[in-house]
Amino acid sequence: PGRLTLFGLGCPSAELRADVSFGSRTLLAAEYYRPWGRHGWFAAPRLFTDRDRLDVDQGAAGLAEYSTRRTGLALALGRYPNRDTELRAGLFLGHLSTSVRRGDPTLPAASGADHALFASWVTDGQDSAVVPTRGLRLEANAQWRLRTPGVPHDFLQVSAEASTFRPL
């Protein structure tokens, strides 16, 4: 995966962030990060298409391979209360399609509208983005899934991640 960032488009602290990945996962995405005011507020519209693969072991039946493709746009509004923390919330509108590429179809194929409200919180106090040796990083995400192919009702999806590094 790679990221290209262009600075100063539209205002001195704005960024155009382009993400590209090819291989078993193909990702093409662009986000325009636009801060405003003096208190860390920003807007971040994003367009993307993402194709991924999921392998499922079916025991004696072998391996099944599923393909997932999600395309859409999102608009996030957020705030940086300090240099290590970001809060953002927004709306995602897209399309999701899943299919069996190989093997017995244990999981159903689905295709249709994929819409969600989302919120995230990230705090990163690690000393390096590439190879940290100390510090703590926490991330929490919530999505209120408004429309999901194959699911007849909306639902809440929550995830969290944590990593810490300490010298020995």
C-alpha atoms as a PDB file:
ATOM      1  CA  PRO A   1       0.000   0.000   0.000  1.00  0.00           C
ATOM      2  CA  GLY A   2       1.144   3.511  -0.692  1.00  0.00           C
ATOM      3  CA  ARG A   3       0.050   7.041   0.101  1.00  0.00           C
ATOM      4  CA  LEU A   4       0.677  10.204  -1.843  1.00  0.00           C
ATOM      5  CA  THR A   5      -0.028  13.436   0.009  1.00  0.00           C
ATOM      6  CA  LEU A   6      -0.194  16.838  -1.669  1.00  0.00           C
ATOM      7  CA  PHE A   7      -0.074  19.855   0.643  1.00  0.00           C
ATOM      8  CA  GLY A   8      -1.463  23.367   0.360  1.00  0.00           C
ATOM      9  CA  LEU A   9      -4.340  22.760  -2.052  1.00  0.00           C
ATOM     10  CA  GLY A  10      -7.025  25.377  -1.373  1.00  0.00           C
ATOM     11  CA  CYS A  11      -5.356  26.667   1.798  1.00  0.00           C
ATOM     12  CA  PRO A  12      -1.888  26.360   3.351  1.00  0.00           C
ATOM     13  CA  SER A  13      -2.764  23.494   5.750  1.00  0.00           C
ATOM     14  CA  ALA A  14      -5.090  21.473   3.457  1.00  0.00           C
ATOM     15  CA  GLU A  15      -4.054  18.031   2.191  1.00  0.00           C
ATOM     16  CA  LEU A  16      -5.092  15.766  -0.656  1.00  0.00           C
ATOM     17  CA  ARG A  17      -4.384  12.180   0.456  1.00  0.00           C
ATOM     18  CA  ALA A  18      -4.379   9.437  -2.203  1.00  0.00           C
ATOM     19  CA  ASP A  19      -4.107   5.770  -1.168  1.00  0.00           C
ATOM     20  CA  VAL A  20      -3.254   3.042  -3.683  1.00  0.00           C
ATOM     21  CA  SER A  21      -2.811  -0.695  -3.202  1.00  0.00           C
ATOM     22  CA  PHE A  22      -2.649  -3.536  -5.740  1.00  0.00           C
ATOM     23  CA  GLY A  23      -2.500  -7.286  -5.177  1.00  0.00           C
ATOM     24  CA  SER A  24      -4.917  -9.513  -3.251  1.00  0.00           C
ATOM     25  CA  ARG A  25      -6.441  -6.217  -2.063  1.00  0.00           C
ATOM     26  CA  THR A  26      -6.977  -3.383  -4.512  1.00  0.00           C
ATOM     27  CA  LEU A  27      -7.643   0.056  -3.061  1.00  0.00           C
ATOM     28  CA  LEU A  28      -7.988   3.405  -4.792  1.00  0.00           C
ATOM     29  CA  ALA A  29      -8.987   6.261  -2.480  1.00  0.00           C
ATOM     30  CA  ALA A  30      -8.738  10.026  -2.224  1.00  0.00           C
ATOM     31  CA  GLU A  31      -9.508  12.254   0.766  1.00  0.00           C
ATOM     32  CA  TYR A  32      -9.384  16.037   0.847  1.00  0.00           C
ATOM     33  CA  TYR A  33      -8.520  17.142   4.384  1.00  0.00           C
ATOM     34  CA  ARG A  34      -9.533  20.786   4.890  1.00  0.00           C
ATOM     35  CA  PRO A  35      -9.021  22.431   8.296  1.00  0.00           C
ATOM     36  CA  TRP A  36     -10.869  25.575   9.302  1.00  0.00           C
ATOM     37  CA  GLY A  37     -10.694  27.952  12.233  1.00  0.00           C
ATOM     38  CA  ARG A  38      -8.125  27.989  15.016  1.00  0.00           C
ATOM     39  CA  HIS A  39      -9.483  25.212  17.221  1.00  0.00           C
ATOM     40  CA  GLY A  40      -8.609  22.074  15.232  1.00  0.00           C
ATOM     41  CA  TRP A  41     -11.850  21.635  13.242  1.00  0.00           C
ATOM     42  CA  PHE A  42     -11.740  20.006   9.798  1.00  0.00           C
ATOM     43  CA  ALA A  43     -13.840  18.535   6.977  1.00  0.00           C
ATOM     44  CA  ALA A  44     -12.716  15.467   5.047  1.00  0.00           C
ATOM     45  CA  PRO A  45     -14.695  14.263   2.002  1.00  0.00           C
ATOM     46  CA  ARG A  46     -13.484  10.882   0.697  1.00  0.00           C
ATOM     47  CA  LEU A  47     -14.066   8.824  -2.488  1.00  0.00           C
ATOM     48  CA  PHE A  48     -12.914   5.226  -2.777  1.00  0.00           C
ATOM     49  CA  THR A  49     -13.197   1.786  -4.306  1.00  0.00           C
ATOM     50  CA  ASP A  50     -11.872  -1.242  -2.422  1.00  0.00           C
ATOM     51  CA  ARG A  51     -11.768  -4.862  -3.582  1.00  0.00           C
ATOM     52  CA  ASP A  52     -10.669  -7.469  -1.056  1.00  0.00           C
ATOM     53  CA  ARG A  53     -10.499 -11.229  -0.787  1.00  0.00           C
ATOM     54  CA  LEU A  54     -11.534 -13.470   2.096  1.00  0.00           C
ATOM     55  CA  ASP A  55     -10.409 -17.091   2.296  1.00  0.00           C
ATOM     56  CA  VAL A  56     -12.589 -19.475   4.335  1.00  0.00           C
ATOM     57  CA  ASP A  57     -11.337 -22.943   5.328  1.00  0.00           C
ATOM     58  CA  GLN A  58     -14.133 -25.449   4.779  1.00  0.00           C
ATOM     59  CA  GLY A  59     -12.306 -28.480   6.188  1.00  0.00           C
ATOM     60  CA  ALA A  60     -12.496 -31.500   3.865  1.00  0.00           C
ATOM     61  CA  ALA A  61     -14.284 -29.392   1.213  1.00  0.00           C
ATOM     62  CA  GLY A  62     -11.152 -27.247   0.835  1.00  0.00           C
ATOM     63  CA  LEU A  63     -10.766 -23.507   0.683  1.00  0.00           C
ATOM     64  CA  ALA A  64     -13.454 -21.091  -0.479  1.00  0.00           C
ATOM     65  CA  GLU A  65     -12.500 -17.654  -1.773  1.00  0.00           C
ATOM     66  CA  TYR A  66     -14.902 -14.724  -1.473  1.00  0.00           C
ATOM     67  CA  SER A  67     -14.559 -11.390  -3.200  1.00  0.00           C
ATOM     68  CA  THR A  68     -15.796  -8.160  -1.618  1.00  0.00           C
ATOM     69  CA  ARG A  69     -16.060  -4.855  -3.460  1.00  0.00           C
ATOM     70  CA  ARG A  70     -17.085  -1.629  -1.739  1.00  0.00           C
ATOM     71  CA  THR A  71     -17.332   1.692  -3.569  1.00  0.00           C
ATOM     72  CA  GLY A  72     -18.538   4.945  -2.114  1.00  0.00           C
ATOM     73  CA  LEU A  73     -18.103   8.391  -0.745  1.00  0.00           C
ATOM     74  CA  ALA A  74     -17.983   9.723   2.775  1.00  0.00           C
ATOM     75  CA  LEU A  75     -18.072  13.104   4.417  1.00  0.00           C
ATOM     76  CA  ALA A  76     -16.464  13.465   7.814  1.00  0.00           C
ATOM     77  CA  LEU A  77     -16.343  16.438  10.152  1.00  0.00           C
ATOM     78  CA  GLY A  78     -13.861  16.321  12.952  1.00  0.00           C
ATOM     79  CA  ARG A  79     -11.567  17.974  15.416  1.00  0.00           C
ATOM     80  CA  TYR A  80      -7.990  17.680  16.644  1.00  0.00           C
ATOM     81  CA  PRO A  81      -8.199  18.678  20.343  1.00  0.00           C
ATOM     82  CA  ASN A  82      -4.401  18.207  20.560  1.00  0.00           C
ATOM     83  CA  ARG A  83      -1.602  17.019  18.287  1.00  0.00           C
ATOM     84  CA  ASP A  84      -2.020  13.325  19.221  1.00  0.00           C
ATOM     85  CA  THR A  85      -5.832  12.980  19.126  1.00  0.00           C
ATOM     86  CA  GLU A  86      -8.417  13.035  16.338  1.00  0.00           C
ATOM     87  CA  LEU A  87     -12.206  12.831  16.620  1.00  0.00           C
ATOM     88  CA  ARG A  88     -14.330  12.467  13.484  1.00  0.00           C
ATOM     89  CA  ALA A  89     -17.944  11.664  12.600  1.00  0.00           C
ATOM     90  CA  GLY A  90     -19.809  11.502   9.349  1.00  0.00           C
ATOM     91  CA  LEU A  91     -21.935   9.781   6.749  1.00  0.00           C
ATOM     92  CA  PHE A  92     -20.924   7.046   4.314  1.00  0.00           C
ATOM     93  CA  LEU A  93     -22.949   6.287   1.149  1.00  0.00           C
ATOM     94  CA  GLY A  94     -21.863   3.433  -1.046  1.00  0.00           C
ATOM     95  CA  HIS A  95     -22.416   0.114  -2.728  1.00  0.00           C
ATOM     96  CA  LEU A  96     -21.247  -3.312  -1.509  1.00  0.00           C
ATOM     97  CA  SER A  97     -21.107  -6.525  -3.501  1.00  0.00           C
ATOM     98  CA  THR A  98     -19.848  -9.913  -2.346  1.00  0.00           C
ATOM     99  CA  SER A  99     -19.473 -13.083  -4.396  1.00  0.00           C
ATOM    100  CA  VAL A 100     -17.907 -16.535  -4.325  1.00  0.00           C
ATOM    101  CA  ARG A 101     -14.845 -16.723  -6.543  1.00  0.00           C
ATOM    102  CA  ARG A 102     -13.909 -20.328  -5.769  1.00  0.00           C
ATOM    103  CA  GLY A 103     -15.264 -23.169  -3.646  1.00  0.00           C
ATOM    104  CA  ASP A 104     -18.565 -24.050  -2.036  1.00  0.00           C
ATOM    105  CA  PRO A 105     -20.724 -20.974  -1.303  1.00  0.00           C
ATOM    106  CA  THR A 106     -21.120 -21.266   2.491  1.00  0.00           C
ATOM    107  CA  LEU A 107     -21.564 -17.508   2.824  1.00  0.00           C
ATOM    108  CA  PRO A 108     -24.301 -15.899   0.701  1.00  0.00           C
ATOM    109  CA  ALA A 109     -23.534 -13.498  -2.131  1.00  0.00           C
ATOM    110  CA  ALA A 110     -25.037 -10.029  -1.699  1.00  0.00           C
ATOM    111  CA  SER A 111     -25.149  -6.726  -3.527  1.00  0.00           C
ATOM    112  CA  GLY A 112     -26.753  -3.388  -2.807  1.00  0.00           C
ATOM    113  CA  ALA A 113     -26.724  -0.075  -0.985  1.00  0.00           C
ATOM    114  CA  ASP A 114     -24.228   0.253   1.863  1.00  0.00           C
ATOM    115  CA  HIS A 115     -24.899   3.298   4.079  1.00  0.00           C
ATOM    116  CA  ALA A 116     -23.706   4.173   7.569  1.00  0.00           C
ATOM    117  CA  LEU A 117     -23.236   6.922  10.110  1.00  0.00           C
ATOM    118  CA  PHE A 118     -19.792   6.665  11.691  1.00  0.00           C
ATOM    119  CA  ALA A 119     -17.656   8.068  14.486  1.00  0.00           C
ATOM    120  CA  SER A 120     -14.030   7.463  15.413  1.00  0.00           C
ATOM    121  CA  TRP A 121     -11.526   8.473  18.061  1.00  0.00           C
ATOM    122  CA  VAL A 122      -7.771   7.976  17.728  1.00  0.00           C
ATOM    123  CA  THR A 123      -5.031   8.967  20.112  1.00  0.00           C
ATOM    124  CA  ASP A 124      -1.447   8.180  19.147  1.00  0.00           C
ATOM    125  CA  GLY A 125       1.315   8.857  21.638  1.00  0.00           C
ATOM    126  CA  GLN A 126       3.859   6.509  20.063  1.00  0.00           C
ATOM    127  CA  ASP A 127       7.298   7.881  19.249  1.00  0.00           C
ATOM    128  CA  SER A 128       7.321   6.750  15.588  1.00  0.00           C
ATOM    129  CA  ALA A 129       4.696   5.947  12.967  1.00  0.00           C
ATOM    130  CA  VAL A 130       6.962   3.355  11.308  1.00  0.00           C
ATOM    131  CA  VAL A 131       8.846   1.522  14.090  1.00  0.00           C
ATOM    132  CA  PRO A 132       7.730   2.744  17.513  1.00  0.00           C
ATOM    133  CA  THR A 133       9.784   1.865  20.596  1.00  0.00           C
ATOM    134  CA  ARG A 134       7.578   3.495  23.217  1.00  0.00           C
ATOM    135  CA  GLY A 135       4.128   4.969  23.631  1.00  0.00           C
ATOM    136  CA  LEU A 136       0.457   4.080  23.444  1.00  0.00           C
ATOM    137  CA  ARG A 137      -1.977   4.136  20.525  1.00  0.00           C
ATOM    138  CA  LEU A 138      -5.748   3.711  21.013  1.00  0.00           C
ATOM    139  CA  GLU A 139      -8.459   3.658  18.361  1.00  0.00           C
ATOM    140  CA  ALA A 140     -12.226   3.254  18.732  1.00  0.00           C
ATOM    141  CA  ASN A 141     -14.753   3.116  15.875  1.00  0.00           C
ATOM    142  CA  ALA A 142     -18.534   2.927  15.776  1.00  0.00           C
ATOM    143  CA  GLN A 143     -20.820   2.576  12.780  1.00  0.00           C
ATOM    144  CA  TRP A 144     -24.580   2.692  12.746  1.00  0.00           C
ATOM    145  CA  ARG A 145     -25.189   0.544   9.658  1.00  0.00           C
ATOM    146  CA  LEU A 146     -28.285   2.067   8.019  1.00  0.00           C
ATOM    147  CA  ARG A 147     -28.378  -0.174   4.947  1.00  0.00           C
ATOM    148  CA  THR A 148     -26.336  -3.306   4.323  1.00  0.00           C
ATOM    149  CA  PRO A 149     -26.980  -5.826   1.539  1.00  0.00           C
ATOM    150  CA  GLY A 150     -28.631  -8.989   2.828  1.00  0.00           C
ATOM    151  CA  VAL A 151     -29.455  -7.504   6.249  1.00  0.00           C
ATOM    152  CA  PRO A 152     -33.101  -6.473   6.734  1.00  0.00           C
ATOM    153  CA  HIS A 153     -32.524  -3.984   9.583  1.00  0.00           C
ATOM    154  CA  ASP A 154     -30.007  -1.411  10.767  1.00  0.00           C
ATOM    155  CA  PHE A 155     -27.440  -2.321  13.439  1.00  0.00           C
ATOM    156  CA  LEU A 156     -24.534  -0.964  15.468  1.00  0.00           C
ATOM    157  CA  GLN A 157     -20.972  -2.121  14.793  1.00  0.00           C
ATOM    158  CA  VAL A 158     -18.205  -1.204  17.261  1.00  0.00           C
ATOM    159  CA  SER A 159     -14.470  -1.951  17.191  1.00  0.00           C
ATOM    160  CA  ALA A 160     -11.412  -0.955  19.219  1.00  0.00           C
ATOM    161  CA  GLU A 161      -7.653  -1.424  18.898  1.00  0.00           C
ATOM    162  CA  ALA A 162      -4.774  -0.750  21.253  1.00  0.00           C
ATOM    163  CA  SER A 163      -1.004  -1.040  20.958  1.00  0.00           C
ATOM    164  CA  THR A 164       1.758  -0.133  23.332  1.00  0.00           C
ATOM    165  CA  PHE A 165       5.527  -0.266  23.159  1.00  0.00           C
ATOM    166  CA  ARG A 166       8.082  -0.158  25.969  1.00  0.00           C
ATOM    167  CA  PRO A 167      11.830  -0.548  25.835  1.00  0.00           C
ATOM    168  CA  LEU A 168      13.148  -3.711  27.529  1.00  0.00           C
END
